[in-house]
Amino acid sequence: MINFEQDQQDAMKKTENIQSLADQVEMLEGLHKRIETSENNIKDLKKEYQRISGEVIPTMMSEMGLAELKLQDGSHLKVSTTYRATITEANKETAFNWLRNNGLGDIIKNEILVSFGRNEDNKAATYAELAKGQGFQPTQKMKVEPMTLKALVRERIEAGKEMPTEIFGVFSENKTTIKRNK
C-alpha cells in the first residue's frame, strides 16, 4: 500500500533541509568575503604603518637633526636602522671566499651529515671512528647562520667597514620605535 501523505511529508523535510543547507553555504561564502576584506584592510594598515615608521618619521627626525626624542608623557621615540642579509646559492662561493679573505671565516659553519637506517647504531659508531672507510658518502653543508650574518652586516656597516652588499644581499630599512612608560 502506498502512503501518499507520508511520501509528501518526507519530500517537504528534504526541501527544508536543502534550503537550510543553502542558507549555511551562503553564510559561509559571506564570512569568507568578510575575512578577505579584513585581511586586505590589515595589509593596507601594515603598509601605511611601515611607510610612516620607515620613511615619514625618520625623514622628519633627520631633517630636525634628531635620532631620539623623549616625549612629554615620558615616552621615548627612537629611529634605528635594521639590516637583513642573505647569501644566495649563486653567491655562496664568492661570499665565503670574501669572509675568509677578510678574516671572518670563523662564522662559516661546516657540517657533515651521515644518515643511517634503523638498527644501524653499530655502523654509526664504526663510522664515527672510520668515517668514509665504510663506503658511506657524507653530506657536507656550509652555511652562515642568518642572525650571525645580520649582526656582522650591521656591525661592519655602522663601523664604516667594507661590506659588499650585492654579494650578501644586504637590505636596510629605518624603523621607528616608541617605548611607553608604564
N, C-alpha and C. Protein backbone atom coordinates (compact mmCIF):
# COMPACT_ATOMS: atom_id res chain seq x y z
N MET A 1 0.83 -1.17 0.00
CA MET A 1 0.00 0.00 0.00
C MET A 1 0.89 1.25 0.00
N ILE A 2 0.59 2.18 -0.83
CA ILE A 2 1.34 3.42 -0.96
C ILE A 2 0.75 4.46 -0.03
N ASN A 3 1.63 5.10 0.76
CA ASN A 3 1.18 6.13 1.69
C ASN A 3 1.60 7.49 1.13
N PHE A 4 0.68 8.11 0.36
CA PHE A 4 0.97 9.37 -0.30
C PHE A 4 1.24 10.49 0.70
N GLU A 5 0.53 10.46 1.80
CA GLU A 5 0.70 11.52 2.80
C GLU A 5 2.10 11.48 3.42
N GLN A 6 2.60 10.28 3.75
CA GLN A 6 3.94 10.12 4.31
C GLN A 6 5.00 10.53 3.30
N ASP A 7 4.82 10.12 2.03
CA ASP A 7 5.77 10.50 0.97
C ASP A 7 5.84 12.01 0.82
N GLN A 8 4.69 12.68 0.92
CA GLN A 8 4.64 14.14 0.79
C GLN A 8 5.39 14.80 1.95
N GLN A 9 5.24 14.28 3.17
CA GLN A 9 5.94 14.83 4.34
C GLN A 9 7.45 14.64 4.22
N ASP A 10 7.88 13.48 3.72
CA ASP A 10 9.30 13.21 3.53
C ASP A 10 9.90 14.18 2.51
N ALA A 11 9.17 14.42 1.42
CA ALA A 11 9.64 15.34 0.38
C ALA A 11 9.75 16.76 0.94
N MET A 12 8.83 17.17 1.80
CA MET A 12 8.87 18.51 2.39
C MET A 12 10.07 18.65 3.34
N LYS A 13 10.37 17.59 4.11
CA LYS A 13 11.52 17.62 5.02
C LYS A 13 12.82 17.77 4.23
N LYS A 14 12.92 17.05 3.11
CA LYS A 14 14.13 17.13 2.28
C LYS A 14 14.27 18.54 1.71
N THR A 15 13.19 19.15 1.30
CA THR A 15 13.22 20.50 0.75
C THR A 15 13.67 21.49 1.82
N GLU A 16 13.12 21.32 3.03
CA GLU A 16 13.53 22.20 4.14
C GLU A 16 15.02 22.03 4.44
N ASN A 17 15.51 20.79 4.43
CA ASN A 17 16.93 20.54 4.68
C ASN A 17 17.81 21.16 3.60
N ILE A 18 17.36 21.07 2.34
CA ILE A 18 18.13 21.65 1.24
C ILE A 18 18.19 23.16 1.40
N GLN A 19 17.07 23.79 1.76
CA GLN A 19 17.07 25.24 1.96
C GLN A 19 17.96 25.64 3.12
N SER A 20 17.94 24.86 4.19
CA SER A 20 18.79 25.14 5.35
C SER A 20 20.26 25.01 4.96
N LEU A 21 20.60 24.00 4.18
CA LEU A 21 21.96 23.82 3.70
C LEU A 21 22.37 25.00 2.82
N ALA A 22 21.50 25.42 1.93
CA ALA A 22 21.79 26.55 1.05
C ALA A 22 22.04 27.82 1.87
N ASP A 23 21.26 28.01 2.92
CA ASP A 23 21.45 29.16 3.81
C ASP A 23 22.84 29.13 4.46
N GLN A 24 23.26 27.95 4.91
CA GLN A 24 24.57 27.81 5.55
C GLN A 24 25.71 28.05 4.55
N VAL A 25 25.52 27.58 3.31
CA VAL A 25 26.53 27.81 2.27
C VAL A 25 26.66 29.30 1.99
N GLU A 26 25.53 30.01 1.90
CA GLU A 26 25.55 31.47 1.70
C GLU A 26 26.26 32.16 2.86
N MET A 27 25.97 31.72 4.07
CA MET A 27 26.59 32.32 5.25
C MET A 27 28.11 32.10 5.21
N LEU A 28 28.53 30.89 4.82
CA LEU A 28 29.95 30.57 4.72
C LEU A 28 30.63 31.46 3.68
N GLU A 29 30.01 31.64 2.53
CA GLU A 29 30.57 32.50 1.49
C GLU A 29 30.67 33.95 1.96
N GLY A 30 29.65 34.40 2.68
CA GLY A 30 29.68 35.76 3.22
C GLY A 30 30.82 35.95 4.21
N LEU A 31 31.01 34.97 5.07
CA LEU A 31 32.11 35.03 6.04
C LEU A 31 33.47 35.04 5.33
N HIS A 32 33.58 34.23 4.29
CA HIS A 32 34.83 34.19 3.53
C HIS A 32 35.13 35.57 2.92
N LYS A 33 34.15 36.21 2.37
CA LYS A 33 34.34 37.55 1.78
C LYS A 33 34.72 38.56 2.86
N ARG A 34 34.07 38.47 4.02
CA ARG A 34 34.41 39.39 5.11
C ARG A 34 35.84 39.19 5.59
N ILE A 35 36.28 37.93 5.65
CA ILE A 35 37.66 37.63 6.06
C ILE A 35 38.63 38.21 5.05
N GLU A 36 38.37 38.00 3.75
CA GLU A 36 39.25 38.55 2.71
C GLU A 36 39.34 40.07 2.82
N THR A 37 38.20 40.71 3.02
CA THR A 37 38.18 42.17 3.16
C THR A 37 38.99 42.61 4.37
N SER A 38 38.81 41.92 5.49
CA SER A 38 39.55 42.26 6.71
C SER A 38 41.05 42.05 6.52
N GLU A 39 41.43 40.96 5.87
CA GLU A 39 42.85 40.70 5.62
C GLU A 39 43.45 41.78 4.73
N ASN A 40 42.71 42.21 3.71
CA ASN A 40 43.19 43.29 2.84
C ASN A 40 43.33 44.59 3.62
N ASN A 41 42.37 44.86 4.51
CA ASN A 41 42.46 46.06 5.34
C ASN A 41 43.70 46.01 6.24
N ILE A 42 43.99 44.85 6.80
CA ILE A 42 45.17 44.70 7.66
C ILE A 42 46.43 44.92 6.84
N LYS A 43 46.49 44.37 5.62
CA LYS A 43 47.66 44.59 4.76
C LYS A 43 47.85 46.07 4.49
N ASP A 44 46.76 46.77 4.18
CA ASP A 44 46.84 48.21 3.91
C ASP A 44 47.32 48.97 5.15
N LEU A 45 46.81 48.60 6.32
CA LEU A 45 47.23 49.26 7.56
C LEU A 45 48.71 49.02 7.83
N LYS A 46 49.19 47.79 7.60
CA LYS A 46 50.60 47.48 7.80
C LYS A 46 51.48 48.27 6.84
N LYS A 47 51.05 48.41 5.60
CA LYS A 47 51.80 49.20 4.61
C LYS A 47 51.93 50.65 5.07
N GLU A 48 50.82 51.21 5.51
CA GLU A 48 50.82 52.61 5.96
C GLU A 48 51.68 52.75 7.22
N TYR A 49 51.58 51.79 8.13
CA TYR A 49 52.40 51.79 9.34
C TYR A 49 53.88 51.77 8.96
N GLN A 50 54.25 50.89 8.02
CA GLN A 50 55.64 50.78 7.57
C GLN A 50 56.11 52.07 6.92
N ARG A 51 55.26 52.71 6.14
CA ARG A 51 55.62 53.96 5.47
C ARG A 51 55.90 55.06 6.49
N ILE A 52 55.03 55.19 7.47
CA ILE A 52 55.22 56.23 8.49
C ILE A 52 56.42 55.90 9.38
N SER A 53 56.53 54.62 9.79
CA SER A 53 57.64 54.20 10.66
C SER A 53 58.98 54.22 9.95
N GLY A 54 59.00 53.84 8.68
CA GLY A 54 60.27 53.69 7.97
C GLY A 54 60.67 54.87 7.11
N GLU A 55 59.71 55.74 6.76
CA GLU A 55 60.03 56.85 5.88
C GLU A 55 59.69 58.22 6.48
N VAL A 56 58.43 58.41 6.82
CA VAL A 56 57.97 59.75 7.23
C VAL A 56 58.67 60.23 8.50
N ILE A 57 58.55 59.48 9.59
CA ILE A 57 59.15 59.91 10.86
C ILE A 57 60.68 59.97 10.77
N PRO A 58 61.36 58.94 10.21
CA PRO A 58 62.82 59.05 10.10
C PRO A 58 63.27 60.26 9.28
N THR A 59 62.57 60.57 8.20
CA THR A 59 62.93 61.74 7.39
C THR A 59 62.75 63.02 8.18
N MET A 60 61.62 63.14 8.86
CA MET A 60 61.35 64.34 9.65
C MET A 60 62.38 64.51 10.76
N MET A 61 62.69 63.41 11.46
CA MET A 61 63.66 63.50 12.56
C MET A 61 65.05 63.81 12.02
N SER A 62 65.41 63.24 10.87
CA SER A 62 66.70 63.52 10.27
C SER A 62 66.82 65.00 9.89
N GLU A 63 65.76 65.54 9.32
CA GLU A 63 65.75 66.95 8.95
C GLU A 63 65.87 67.85 10.18
N MET A 64 65.39 67.37 11.31
CA MET A 64 65.47 68.14 12.55
C MET A 64 66.77 67.85 13.31
N GLY A 65 67.57 66.90 12.78
CA GLY A 65 68.84 66.56 13.42
C GLY A 65 68.66 65.70 14.66
N LEU A 66 67.59 64.92 14.71
CA LEU A 66 67.31 64.10 15.89
C LEU A 66 67.38 62.61 15.54
N ALA A 67 67.88 61.83 16.48
CA ALA A 67 67.88 60.38 16.34
C ALA A 67 66.93 59.77 17.38
N GLU A 68 66.77 60.50 18.49
CA GLU A 68 65.90 60.06 19.58
C GLU A 68 65.17 61.27 20.11
N LEU A 69 64.04 60.99 20.77
CA LEU A 69 63.26 62.08 21.31
C LEU A 69 62.46 61.56 22.51
N LYS A 70 62.52 62.32 23.60
CA LYS A 70 61.71 61.96 24.75
C LYS A 70 60.48 62.85 24.73
N LEU A 71 59.31 62.22 24.75
CA LEU A 71 58.07 62.97 24.66
C LEU A 71 57.61 63.43 26.05
N GLN A 72 56.69 64.37 26.04
CA GLN A 72 56.21 64.98 27.27
C GLN A 72 55.60 63.96 28.23
N ASP A 73 54.96 62.93 27.69
CA ASP A 73 54.34 61.92 28.55
C ASP A 73 55.34 60.88 29.06
N GLY A 74 56.63 61.08 28.75
CA GLY A 74 57.67 60.16 29.22
C GLY A 74 58.01 59.07 28.21
N SER A 75 57.25 58.99 27.13
CA SER A 75 57.54 58.01 26.09
C SER A 75 58.85 58.36 25.40
N HIS A 76 59.46 57.35 24.83
CA HIS A 76 60.75 57.52 24.17
C HIS A 76 60.60 57.10 22.72
N LEU A 77 60.92 58.02 21.81
CA LEU A 77 60.82 57.79 20.37
C LEU A 77 62.22 57.65 19.81
N LYS A 78 62.45 56.58 19.05
CA LYS A 78 63.79 56.34 18.52
C LYS A 78 63.68 55.80 17.10
N VAL A 79 64.54 56.30 16.23
CA VAL A 79 64.63 55.79 14.86
C VAL A 79 65.94 55.02 14.76
N SER A 80 65.85 53.79 14.31
CA SER A 80 67.05 52.99 14.13
C SER A 80 67.00 52.31 12.77
N THR A 81 68.15 51.88 12.33
CA THR A 81 68.25 51.18 11.06
C THR A 81 68.41 49.70 11.34
N THR A 82 67.61 48.89 10.68
CA THR A 82 67.74 47.45 10.79
C THR A 82 68.28 46.91 9.47
N TYR A 83 68.98 45.82 9.57
CA TYR A 83 69.62 45.23 8.40
C TYR A 83 69.16 43.78 8.24
N ARG A 84 69.05 43.38 6.98
CA ARG A 84 68.81 41.99 6.65
C ARG A 84 69.82 41.60 5.59
N ALA A 85 70.25 40.37 5.62
CA ALA A 85 71.22 39.90 4.64
C ALA A 85 70.97 38.42 4.37
N THR A 86 71.33 38.01 3.18
CA THR A 86 71.17 36.61 2.83
C THR A 86 72.24 36.24 1.81
N ILE A 87 72.70 35.03 1.91
CA ILE A 87 73.66 34.52 0.93
C ILE A 87 72.91 33.56 0.03
N THR A 88 72.76 33.94 -1.21
CA THR A 88 72.06 33.07 -2.17
C THR A 88 73.00 31.94 -2.58
N GLU A 89 72.41 30.88 -3.11
CA GLU A 89 73.20 29.75 -3.59
C GLU A 89 74.19 30.20 -4.66
N ALA A 90 73.75 31.12 -5.53
CA ALA A 90 74.61 31.61 -6.61
C ALA A 90 75.82 32.39 -6.08
N ASN A 91 75.66 33.06 -4.92
CA ASN A 91 76.74 33.89 -4.36
C ASN A 91 77.51 33.19 -3.25
N LYS A 92 77.15 31.95 -2.94
CA LYS A 92 77.73 31.26 -1.79
C LYS A 92 79.26 31.20 -1.84
N GLU A 93 79.81 30.73 -2.94
CA GLU A 93 81.27 30.59 -3.03
C GLU A 93 81.96 31.95 -2.92
N THR A 94 81.45 32.95 -3.62
CA THR A 94 82.03 34.29 -3.57
C THR A 94 81.95 34.87 -2.16
N ALA A 95 80.79 34.70 -1.52
CA ALA A 95 80.59 35.24 -0.16
C ALA A 95 81.53 34.56 0.83
N PHE A 96 81.63 33.23 0.76
CA PHE A 96 82.50 32.50 1.69
C PHE A 96 83.97 32.89 1.46
N ASN A 97 84.36 33.05 0.20
CA ASN A 97 85.74 33.48 -0.08
C ASN A 97 86.00 34.87 0.48
N TRP A 98 85.04 35.77 0.33
CA TRP A 98 85.20 37.13 0.86
C TRP A 98 85.34 37.08 2.38
N LEU A 99 84.51 36.28 3.04
CA LEU A 99 84.59 36.16 4.51
C LEU A 99 85.96 35.63 4.93
N ARG A 100 86.42 34.58 4.25
CA ARG A 100 87.74 34.00 4.60
C ARG A 100 88.86 35.01 4.36
N ASN A 101 88.81 35.70 3.22
CA ASN A 101 89.87 36.65 2.87
C ASN A 101 89.89 37.87 3.79
N ASN A 102 88.80 38.12 4.49
CA ASN A 102 88.73 39.27 5.39
C ASN A 102 88.76 38.85 6.87
N GLY A 103 89.27 37.65 7.12
CA GLY A 103 89.44 37.19 8.49
C GLY A 103 88.15 36.87 9.21
N LEU A 104 87.09 36.59 8.45
CA LEU A 104 85.78 36.32 9.07
C LEU A 104 85.29 34.89 8.80
N GLY A 105 86.19 34.03 8.37
CA GLY A 105 85.84 32.66 8.02
C GLY A 105 85.30 31.85 9.18
N ASP A 106 85.57 32.30 10.41
CA ASP A 106 85.10 31.54 11.57
C ASP A 106 83.59 31.56 11.75
N ILE A 107 82.89 32.42 11.04
CA ILE A 107 81.41 32.42 11.16
C ILE A 107 80.77 31.42 10.20
N ILE A 108 81.58 30.81 9.33
CA ILE A 108 81.05 29.81 8.40
C ILE A 108 80.98 28.48 9.14
N LYS A 109 79.79 27.91 9.17
CA LYS A 109 79.61 26.59 9.79
C LYS A 109 79.79 25.54 8.70
N ASN A 110 80.53 24.51 9.02
CA ASN A 110 80.79 23.44 8.08
C ASN A 110 80.28 22.15 8.72
N GLU A 111 79.17 21.64 8.22
CA GLU A 111 78.55 20.46 8.81
C GLU A 111 78.67 19.28 7.86
N ILE A 112 78.99 18.13 8.41
CA ILE A 112 78.99 16.90 7.62
C ILE A 112 77.94 16.00 8.26
N LEU A 113 77.04 15.53 7.44
CA LEU A 113 75.91 14.76 7.92
C LEU A 113 75.91 13.39 7.28
N VAL A 114 75.75 12.36 8.07
CA VAL A 114 75.66 10.99 7.57
C VAL A 114 74.40 10.39 8.15
N SER A 115 73.60 9.76 7.30
CA SER A 115 72.36 9.14 7.75
C SER A 115 72.49 7.63 7.78
N PHE A 116 71.97 7.04 8.84
CA PHE A 116 71.95 5.59 8.97
C PHE A 116 70.50 5.15 9.10
N GLY A 117 70.23 3.93 8.69
CA GLY A 117 68.88 3.38 8.78
C GLY A 117 68.60 2.87 10.17
N ARG A 118 67.44 2.28 10.31
CA ARG A 118 67.05 1.70 11.60
C ARG A 118 68.02 0.59 12.01
N ASN A 119 68.21 0.47 13.29
CA ASN A 119 69.04 -0.59 13.87
C ASN A 119 70.46 -0.60 13.31
N GLU A 120 70.98 0.55 12.93
CA GLU A 120 72.35 0.63 12.43
C GLU A 120 73.24 1.41 13.39
N ASP A 121 72.94 1.30 14.68
CA ASP A 121 73.72 2.00 15.69
C ASP A 121 75.18 1.57 15.66
N ASN A 122 75.42 0.27 15.45
CA ASN A 122 76.81 -0.22 15.40
C ASN A 122 77.55 0.40 14.23
N LYS A 123 76.88 0.49 13.08
CA LYS A 123 77.52 1.10 11.92
C LYS A 123 77.81 2.57 12.18
N ALA A 124 76.89 3.24 12.86
CA ALA A 124 77.09 4.65 13.17
C ALA A 124 78.32 4.83 14.06
N ALA A 125 78.48 3.96 15.04
CA ALA A 125 79.64 4.04 15.93
C ALA A 125 80.92 3.75 15.16
N THR A 126 80.87 2.75 14.29
CA THR A 126 82.04 2.42 13.48
C THR A 126 82.37 3.58 12.56
N TYR A 127 81.37 4.18 12.00
CA TYR A 127 81.59 5.30 11.08
C TYR A 127 82.20 6.49 11.80
N ALA A 128 81.78 6.70 13.01
CA ALA A 128 82.36 7.80 13.78
C ALA A 128 83.87 7.63 13.88
N GLU A 129 84.35 6.37 13.92
CA GLU A 129 85.78 6.11 14.00
C GLU A 129 86.44 6.05 12.63
N LEU A 130 85.76 5.49 11.68
CA LEU A 130 86.40 5.24 10.38
C LEU A 130 85.93 6.15 9.26
N ALA A 131 84.90 6.97 9.51
CA ALA A 131 84.34 7.91 8.54
C ALA A 131 84.05 7.25 7.20
N LYS A 132 84.67 7.70 6.18
CA LYS A 132 84.36 7.22 4.84
C LYS A 132 84.83 5.80 4.56
N GLY A 133 85.61 5.23 5.42
CA GLY A 133 86.16 3.89 5.22
C GLY A 133 85.11 2.81 5.07
N GLN A 134 83.89 3.05 5.50
CA GLN A 134 82.82 2.06 5.41
C GLN A 134 81.97 2.21 4.15
N GLY A 135 82.34 3.16 3.26
CA GLY A 135 81.62 3.32 2.00
C GLY A 135 80.43 4.25 2.06
N PHE A 136 80.24 4.95 3.17
CA PHE A 136 79.15 5.92 3.26
C PHE A 136 79.60 7.24 2.65
N GLN A 137 78.69 7.95 2.04
CA GLN A 137 79.01 9.25 1.47
C GLN A 137 78.36 10.33 2.33
N PRO A 138 79.16 11.07 3.08
CA PRO A 138 78.57 12.11 3.92
C PRO A 138 78.08 13.29 3.09
N THR A 139 77.12 14.00 3.62
CA THR A 139 76.63 15.22 3.01
C THR A 139 77.29 16.37 3.73
N GLN A 140 77.91 17.26 2.96
CA GLN A 140 78.59 18.40 3.56
C GLN A 140 77.78 19.65 3.28
N LYS A 141 77.56 20.44 4.31
CA LYS A 141 76.79 21.67 4.17
C LYS A 141 77.54 22.80 4.86
N MET A 142 77.79 23.85 4.09
CA MET A 142 78.45 25.01 4.66
C MET A 142 77.45 26.15 4.68
N LYS A 143 77.40 26.85 5.80
CA LYS A 143 76.42 27.93 5.92
C LYS A 143 76.88 28.94 6.97
N VAL A 144 76.24 30.11 6.90
CA VAL A 144 76.41 31.13 7.92
C VAL A 144 75.02 31.33 8.51
N GLU A 145 74.92 31.26 9.82
CA GLU A 145 73.62 31.43 10.47
C GLU A 145 73.06 32.82 10.15
N PRO A 146 71.78 32.92 9.81
CA PRO A 146 71.18 34.20 9.42
C PRO A 146 71.37 35.32 10.45
N MET A 147 71.20 35.03 11.73
CA MET A 147 71.34 36.07 12.74
C MET A 147 72.80 36.51 12.88
N THR A 148 73.73 35.57 12.70
CA THR A 148 75.15 35.91 12.74
C THR A 148 75.50 36.82 11.58
N LEU A 149 74.99 36.50 10.39
CA LEU A 149 75.24 37.33 9.21
C LEU A 149 74.64 38.72 9.40
N LYS A 150 73.43 38.77 9.92
CA LYS A 150 72.76 40.06 10.16
C LYS A 150 73.58 40.92 11.12
N ALA A 151 74.07 40.31 12.19
CA ALA A 151 74.88 41.05 13.18
C ALA A 151 76.20 41.52 12.56
N LEU A 152 76.83 40.68 11.76
CA LEU A 152 78.08 41.05 11.10
C LEU A 152 77.86 42.24 10.17
N VAL A 153 76.79 42.17 9.37
CA VAL A 153 76.49 43.26 8.43
C VAL A 153 76.26 44.57 9.18
N ARG A 154 75.43 44.52 10.22
CA ARG A 154 75.15 45.73 11.00
C ARG A 154 76.44 46.30 11.59
N GLU A 155 77.22 45.44 12.20
CA GLU A 155 78.47 45.85 12.85
C GLU A 155 79.42 46.51 11.85
N ARG A 156 79.60 45.90 10.69
CA ARG A 156 80.56 46.43 9.71
C ARG A 156 80.05 47.72 9.07
N ILE A 157 78.79 47.77 8.73
CA ILE A 157 78.25 48.98 8.09
C ILE A 157 78.29 50.15 9.06
N GLU A 158 77.87 49.92 10.30
CA GLU A 158 77.84 51.00 11.28
C GLU A 158 79.25 51.45 11.67
N ALA A 159 80.25 50.57 11.51
CA ALA A 159 81.63 50.94 11.82
C ALA A 159 82.32 51.53 10.59
N GLY A 160 81.60 51.59 9.46
CA GLY A 160 82.17 52.16 8.24
C GLY A 160 83.15 51.23 7.54
N LYS A 161 83.08 49.94 7.86
CA LYS A 161 83.97 48.97 7.23
C LYS A 161 83.35 48.44 5.95
N GLU A 162 84.20 47.88 5.09
CA GLU A 162 83.74 47.34 3.82
C GLU A 162 82.79 46.16 4.05
N MET A 163 81.70 46.16 3.29
CA MET A 163 80.75 45.04 3.31
C MET A 163 80.09 45.02 1.94
N PRO A 164 80.47 44.07 1.08
CA PRO A 164 79.90 44.03 -0.27
C PRO A 164 78.42 43.66 -0.24
N THR A 165 77.58 44.66 -0.31
CA THR A 165 76.13 44.46 -0.14
C THR A 165 75.52 43.58 -1.22
N GLU A 166 76.07 43.63 -2.44
CA GLU A 166 75.48 42.83 -3.52
C GLU A 166 75.75 41.34 -3.33
N ILE A 167 76.90 40.99 -2.81
CA ILE A 167 77.24 39.57 -2.58
C ILE A 167 76.38 39.00 -1.46
N PHE A 168 76.12 39.81 -0.44
CA PHE A 168 75.40 39.33 0.73
C PHE A 168 73.92 39.71 0.73
N GLY A 169 73.43 40.26 -0.36
CA GLY A 169 72.01 40.61 -0.45
C GLY A 169 71.56 41.50 0.70
N VAL A 170 72.33 42.53 1.00
CA VAL A 170 72.04 43.38 2.16
C VAL A 170 70.87 44.31 1.85
N PHE A 171 69.96 44.39 2.80
CA PHE A 171 68.82 45.29 2.73
C PHE A 171 68.74 46.01 4.06
N SER A 172 68.59 47.32 4.01
CA SER A 172 68.45 48.07 5.27
C SER A 172 67.17 48.89 5.22
N GLU A 173 66.62 49.11 6.39
CA GLU A 173 65.42 49.92 6.48
C GLU A 173 65.39 50.62 7.83
N ASN A 174 64.77 51.79 7.82
CA ASN A 174 64.60 52.53 9.07
C ASN A 174 63.35 52.03 9.77
N LYS A 175 63.39 52.13 11.08
CA LYS A 175 62.25 51.68 11.87
C LYS A 175 62.10 52.62 13.06
N THR A 176 60.89 53.07 13.29
CA THR A 176 60.61 53.94 14.43
C THR A 176 60.03 53.08 15.55
N THR A 177 60.59 53.23 16.74
CA THR A 177 60.03 52.53 17.90
C THR A 177 59.61 53.56 18.94
N ILE A 178 58.53 53.25 19.58
CA ILE A 178 58.02 54.10 20.66
C ILE A 178 57.93 53.24 21.91
N LYS A 179 58.69 53.64 22.92
CA LYS A 179 58.63 52.94 24.21
C LYS A 179 57.82 53.80 25.15
N ARG A 180 56.75 53.24 25.62
CA ARG A 180 55.84 53.97 26.51
C ARG A 180 56.20 53.68 27.96
N ASN A 181 56.04 54.67 28.81
CA ASN A 181 56.20 54.46 30.25
C ASN A 181 55.02 53.69 30.76
N LYS A 182 55.29 52.83 31.70
CA LYS A 182 54.19 52.00 32.24
C LYS A 182 53.65 52.56 33.51
